Amino acid sequence: MKSREAALLSFDPVADATRIDEAAADDLFAVVDLLDGQPPLRRSLSDPSASPGNRQVLARRLFDNRLGAAALAVLLEVVGTPWPSGRAMVDAIERQGLRGLLRTAIDRGELKRIQEELYRFAQVIESSPELSDALRDPVRSLDARKALISRLLAGKAAALTQRLALRAAAARARTVSLTLASYLVLAAALAGERIAQVTVARPLDEAREERLRRALEARVGGPVSLQIEVDEKVLGGMSITLGEHIFESTVAGRLDEARRLLN
C-alpha cells in the first residue's frame, strides 16, 4: 500500500472520535478549497520541520473563529499528524468531510440509494463524450461545472447525492467520474461492503440481481455492493470484477479466447 493511502486509512479512526455532520463537512470542504488555492499556507500547515504543536497553533490562529467546533477538532488532528505531502494532508481533510456526509446518509437510511445514484450519474458521464468534455473543460469555471451538474440532477436524486456530486465537480481524482468512483469506495468501506463491478449484455431484474448478490456474498463471506453496467458488446453472460478476482463468463469473452486458441 502506498504511503499516502496508508496514512489516509490510518487517520480514519482518529477522525471518527469527532462527529462530522453536514455543517462540519461544509467547514472542512471550505478549508480544502482555501488550501488548494494557497500553496504557501498548505506547506506551512504540513511542514515536517515544524513541530505538531506549532502547526496546530498556526491552524488555530487561522481558523479558530471561522470553523465550528467539530471541524476545528478534526483540522487540528490533521495538521498535528505527519503526512507524506501537503496534498496528502488536504486529501485527508477532504476525506473526513466526505465520510461525514456518507455517515449522515447511513443514519438516514439513504446510503444504498445514494450509492446507486452516484454510480448511475458516473455512468451517464462516462457514456456521454459531450458531457465528459464539458466537465473536463479547463476553460469552464468550477461554478459553471456545478451549475451543469445541478441542472442534470435537479429533482432526480436525493439531496445528499446532489451535494456529493457538486463536491465532485472539482474533480480532485482527475475527472468527475473518477472522483465519484472514489466516493463509492468510501461508501462501501463505511458500510463494510466490497464492490463488485458487473458487466452484462442486458439489465438484470431484481430477482436475478439479488441472487447474484447473495452468491457473491457467500463467496467472499461479507456484504457486497453491486455496480452493474449494461454493455451490449458482451453479447451474453456476465463479467464480474471483485477486488483482485475477475470472473469472466461472457459470450464475447469466450469468443476472444477461442480466437486466441485458433491463432
Protein backbone atom coordinates (compact mmCIF):
# COMPACT_ATOMS: atom_id res chain seq x y z
CA MET A 1 0.00 0.00 0.00
CA LYS A 2 1.33 3.45 -0.89
CA SER A 3 2.36 5.70 1.99
CA ARG A 4 -0.32 8.26 1.15
CA GLU A 5 -3.11 5.67 1.13
CA ALA A 6 -1.82 4.07 4.33
CA ALA A 7 -1.71 7.46 6.05
CA LEU A 8 -5.27 8.30 4.95
CA LEU A 9 -6.61 4.96 6.20
CA SER A 10 -4.75 5.14 9.49
CA PHE A 11 -6.21 8.58 10.20
CA ASP A 12 -9.83 7.44 9.89
CA PRO A 13 -10.07 6.06 13.47
CA VAL A 14 -8.60 9.32 14.80
CA ALA A 15 -11.19 11.41 12.95
CA ASP A 16 -14.02 9.08 13.96
CA ALA A 17 -13.67 10.30 17.55
CA THR A 18 -15.35 13.53 16.32
CA ARG A 19 -18.86 13.57 14.88
CA ILE A 20 -18.85 15.22 11.45
CA ASP A 21 -22.32 16.42 10.44
CA GLU A 22 -23.28 18.30 7.28
CA ALA A 23 -22.26 21.69 8.70
CA ALA A 24 -18.87 20.35 9.81
CA ALA A 25 -18.39 18.72 6.39
CA ASP A 26 -19.02 22.07 4.71
CA ASP A 27 -16.45 23.69 7.01
CA LEU A 28 -13.86 21.07 6.10
CA PHE A 29 -14.57 21.47 2.39
CA ALA A 30 -14.07 25.24 2.77
CA VAL A 31 -10.65 24.58 4.32
CA VAL A 32 -9.78 22.25 1.43
CA ASP A 33 -10.75 24.88 -1.13
CA LEU A 34 -8.69 27.51 0.69
CA LEU A 35 -5.59 25.31 0.94
CA ASP A 36 -5.90 24.22 -2.69
CA GLY A 37 -5.65 27.88 -3.67
CA GLN A 38 -2.91 28.79 -1.16
CA PRO A 39 0.16 26.55 -1.66
CA PRO A 40 2.33 28.51 0.85
CA LEU A 41 -0.28 28.07 3.58
CA ARG A 42 -0.65 24.39 2.69
CA ARG A 43 3.09 23.93 3.02
CA SER A 44 3.18 25.74 6.36
CA LEU A 45 0.46 23.55 7.85
CA SER A 46 2.17 20.36 6.69
CA ASP A 47 5.80 21.45 7.23
CA PRO A 48 7.64 18.41 8.64
CA SER A 49 10.35 20.67 10.10
CA ALA A 50 7.79 22.36 12.37
CA SER A 51 6.57 20.60 15.49
CA PRO A 52 2.99 19.25 15.53
CA GLY A 53 2.19 21.73 18.28
CA ASN A 54 3.41 24.69 16.23
CA ARG A 55 1.39 23.57 13.21
CA GLN A 56 -1.69 23.29 15.44
CA VAL A 57 -1.09 26.77 16.88
CA LEU A 58 -0.98 28.15 13.34
CA ALA A 59 -4.18 26.33 12.38
CA ARG A 60 -5.97 27.56 15.49
CA ARG A 61 -4.86 31.14 14.83
CA LEU A 62 -6.15 30.95 11.27
CA PHE A 63 -9.40 29.05 11.75
CA ASP A 64 -10.49 29.33 15.41
CA ASN A 65 -13.29 31.80 14.69
CA ARG A 66 -14.10 30.52 11.21
CA LEU A 67 -14.96 26.86 11.84
CA GLY A 68 -17.39 25.01 14.04
CA ALA A 69 -16.01 23.01 16.95
CA ALA A 70 -16.18 19.62 15.19
CA ALA A 71 -14.43 20.78 12.02
CA LEU A 72 -11.76 22.60 14.02
CA ALA A 73 -11.11 19.50 16.14
CA VAL A 74 -10.58 17.37 13.01
CA LEU A 75 -8.39 20.04 11.39
CA LEU A 76 -6.16 20.25 14.47
CA GLU A 77 -5.76 16.48 14.47
CA VAL A 78 -4.89 16.54 10.76
CA VAL A 79 -2.23 19.23 10.99
CA GLY A 80 -0.77 17.56 14.07
CA THR A 81 -0.25 14.36 12.06
CA PRO A 82 2.77 13.82 9.76
CA TRP A 83 1.83 13.47 6.08
CA PRO A 84 3.85 12.44 3.00
CA SER A 85 3.00 15.81 1.41
CA GLY A 86 0.82 18.87 1.74
CA ARG A 87 -1.51 17.41 -0.88
CA ALA A 88 -1.95 14.27 1.22
CA MET A 89 -2.86 16.45 4.20
CA VAL A 90 -5.51 18.26 2.16
CA ASP A 91 -6.83 14.93 0.88
CA ALA A 92 -7.19 13.80 4.50
CA ILE A 93 -9.33 16.85 5.30
CA GLU A 94 -11.49 16.27 2.22
CA ARG A 95 -11.84 12.58 3.06
CA GLN A 96 -13.24 13.29 6.52
CA GLY A 97 -15.79 15.74 5.14
CA LEU A 98 -16.94 13.11 2.64
CA ARG A 99 -17.07 10.40 5.31
CA GLY A 100 -19.19 12.74 7.41
CA LEU A 101 -21.74 13.18 4.62
CA LEU A 102 -21.80 9.44 3.95
CA ARG A 103 -22.32 8.67 7.64
CA THR A 104 -25.23 11.09 7.57
CA ALA A 105 -26.65 9.04 4.69
CA ILE A 106 -26.24 5.86 6.77
CA ASP A 107 -28.04 7.47 9.73
CA ARG A 108 -30.94 8.45 7.44
CA GLY A 109 -31.12 5.02 5.84
CA GLU A 110 -30.28 6.54 2.47
CA LEU A 111 -26.83 5.13 1.75
CA LYS A 112 -27.95 2.45 -0.70
CA ARG A 113 -29.97 4.97 -2.70
CA ILE A 114 -27.07 7.42 -2.77
CA GLN A 115 -24.62 4.72 -3.87
CA GLU A 116 -26.92 3.78 -6.74
CA GLU A 117 -27.50 7.39 -7.80
CA LEU A 118 -23.81 8.31 -7.70
CA TYR A 119 -22.94 5.21 -9.72
CA ARG A 120 -25.64 5.90 -12.32
CA PHE A 121 -24.51 9.51 -12.64
CA ALA A 122 -20.89 8.42 -13.14
CA GLN A 123 -22.11 6.06 -15.88
CA VAL A 124 -24.05 8.87 -17.54
CA ILE A 125 -20.90 10.98 -17.63
CA GLU A 126 -18.76 8.14 -18.98
CA SER A 127 -21.29 7.29 -21.69
CA SER A 128 -21.55 10.88 -22.97
CA PRO A 129 -18.41 12.27 -24.63
CA GLU A 130 -20.05 15.69 -24.79
CA LEU A 131 -20.80 15.73 -21.05
CA SER A 132 -17.39 14.30 -20.17
CA ASP A 133 -15.70 17.03 -22.22
CA ALA A 134 -17.85 19.74 -20.64
CA LEU A 135 -16.90 18.61 -17.14
CA ARG A 136 -13.20 18.35 -18.09
CA ASP A 137 -13.00 21.64 -19.98
CA PRO A 138 -10.28 23.73 -18.25
CA VAL A 139 -11.87 26.90 -19.60
CA ARG A 140 -15.20 26.15 -17.88
CA SER A 141 -15.22 27.54 -14.33
CA LEU A 142 -15.95 25.41 -11.27
CA ASP A 143 -19.20 27.33 -10.78
CA ALA A 144 -20.21 26.55 -14.36
CA ARG A 145 -19.48 22.84 -13.83
CA LYS A 146 -21.54 22.89 -10.64
CA ALA A 147 -24.41 24.62 -12.43
CA LEU A 148 -24.35 21.93 -15.13
CA ILE A 149 -24.42 19.14 -12.53
CA SER A 150 -27.25 20.86 -10.66
CA ARG A 151 -29.34 21.02 -13.83
CA LEU A 152 -28.74 17.36 -14.55
CA LEU A 153 -29.66 16.12 -11.07
CA ALA A 154 -32.37 18.58 -10.01
CA GLY A 155 -35.46 16.64 -8.96
CA LYS A 156 -33.81 13.33 -9.93
CA ALA A 157 -31.58 12.50 -6.96
CA ALA A 158 -31.50 12.72 -3.17
CA ALA A 159 -30.26 15.95 -1.62
CA LEU A 160 -27.10 14.24 -0.31
CA THR A 161 -26.43 12.74 -3.74
CA GLN A 162 -26.59 16.21 -5.24
CA ARG A 163 -24.27 17.61 -2.57
CA LEU A 164 -21.71 14.89 -3.20
CA ALA A 165 -21.96 15.28 -6.97
CA LEU A 166 -21.44 19.02 -6.67
CA ARG A 167 -18.40 18.38 -4.48
CA ALA A 168 -17.08 16.05 -7.19
CA ALA A 169 -17.23 18.94 -9.69
CA ALA A 170 -13.76 19.95 -8.51
CA ALA A 171 -12.53 16.59 -9.90
CA ARG A 172 -9.85 16.07 -7.26
CA ALA A 173 -9.37 12.50 -8.58
CA ARG A 174 -8.57 13.80 -12.12
CA THR A 175 -12.11 13.62 -13.55
CA VAL A 176 -15.61 13.95 -12.13
CA SER A 177 -16.46 10.32 -12.85
CA LEU A 178 -13.27 9.06 -11.18
CA THR A 179 -13.97 11.31 -8.20
CA LEU A 180 -17.45 9.85 -7.92
CA ALA A 181 -15.92 6.37 -8.08
CA SER A 182 -13.67 7.27 -5.14
CA TYR A 183 -16.77 8.34 -3.19
CA LEU A 184 -18.32 4.94 -3.87
CA VAL A 185 -15.23 3.22 -2.49
CA LEU A 186 -15.55 5.32 0.68
CA ALA A 187 -19.25 4.50 0.95
CA ALA A 188 -18.65 0.77 0.58
CA ALA A 189 -15.92 0.87 3.23
CA LEU A 190 -18.19 2.66 5.70
CA ALA A 191 -20.95 0.11 5.04
CA GLY A 192 -18.48 -2.77 5.46
CA GLU A 193 -19.06 -3.83 1.86
CA ARG A 194 -16.91 -4.95 -1.04
CA ILE A 195 -17.64 -3.60 -4.52
CA ALA A 196 -18.42 -5.97 -7.37
CA GLN A 197 -18.31 -4.43 -10.85
CA VAL A 198 -20.67 -6.41 -13.05
CA THR A 199 -20.97 -6.09 -16.84
CA VAL A 200 -23.97 -7.68 -18.56
CA ALA A 201 -25.49 -7.56 -22.02
CA ARG A 202 -29.00 -6.82 -20.72
CA PRO A 203 -30.34 -5.37 -17.46
CA LEU A 204 -30.88 -7.83 -14.61
CA ASP A 205 -34.28 -7.98 -12.97
CA GLU A 206 -34.46 -7.57 -9.20
CA ALA A 207 -34.63 -11.30 -8.52
CA ARG A 208 -31.53 -12.12 -10.60
CA GLU A 209 -29.65 -9.18 -9.11
CA GLU A 210 -30.45 -10.37 -5.59
CA ARG A 211 -29.39 -13.95 -6.41
CA LEU A 212 -26.12 -12.63 -7.79
CA ARG A 213 -25.52 -10.51 -4.71
CA ARG A 214 -26.18 -13.45 -2.37
CA ALA A 215 -23.88 -15.72 -4.38
CA LEU A 216 -21.04 -13.21 -4.27
CA GLU A 217 -21.58 -12.54 -0.57
CA ALA A 218 -21.39 -16.27 0.12
CA ARG A 219 -18.15 -16.42 -1.86
CA VAL A 220 -16.40 -13.54 -0.04
CA GLY A 221 -18.06 -14.01 3.34
CA GLY A 222 -19.44 -10.50 3.69
CA PRO A 223 -21.69 -7.78 2.20
CA VAL A 224 -21.23 -6.89 -1.47
CA SER A 225 -22.31 -3.74 -3.29
CA LEU A 226 -23.12 -4.33 -6.98
CA GLN A 227 -22.18 -1.82 -9.67
CA ILE A 228 -23.93 -3.07 -12.79
CA GLU A 229 -23.09 -1.81 -16.27
CA VAL A 230 -25.06 -2.84 -19.34
CA ASP A 231 -22.87 -3.30 -22.42
CA GLU A 232 -24.39 -4.93 -25.49
CA LYS A 233 -20.90 -5.80 -26.78
CA VAL A 234 -20.56 -8.62 -24.23
CA LEU A 235 -23.38 -10.42 -26.20
CA GLY A 236 -24.43 -12.63 -23.25
CA GLY A 237 -23.38 -13.87 -19.83
CA MET A 238 -21.59 -11.53 -17.44
CA SER A 239 -18.19 -10.33 -16.33
CA ILE A 240 -17.56 -9.65 -12.63
CA THR A 241 -14.61 -7.87 -11.05
CA LEU A 242 -14.47 -8.24 -7.27
CA GLY A 243 -11.27 -6.90 -5.78
CA GLU A 244 -8.40 -8.80 -7.37
CA HIS A 245 -10.72 -11.51 -8.73
CA ILE A 246 -12.20 -11.46 -12.23
CA PHE A 247 -14.95 -13.88 -13.23
CA GLU A 248 -15.44 -13.95 -17.00
CA SER A 249 -18.42 -15.80 -18.46
CA THR A 250 -19.44 -13.54 -21.33
CA VAL A 251 -20.04 -14.80 -24.85
CA ALA A 252 -17.67 -12.14 -26.17
CA GLY A 253 -15.01 -13.29 -23.73
CA ARG A 254 -15.36 -16.92 -24.80
CA LEU A 255 -15.18 -15.91 -28.47
CA ASP A 256 -12.00 -13.94 -27.80
CA GLU A 257 -10.50 -16.96 -26.04
CA ALA A 258 -11.44 -19.17 -28.98
CA ARG A 259 -9.77 -16.74 -31.40
CA ARG A 260 -6.59 -16.77 -29.35
CA LEU A 261 -6.55 -20.56 -29.38
CA LEU A 262 -7.03 -20.65 -33.16
CA ASN A 263 -4.33 -18.10 -33.94
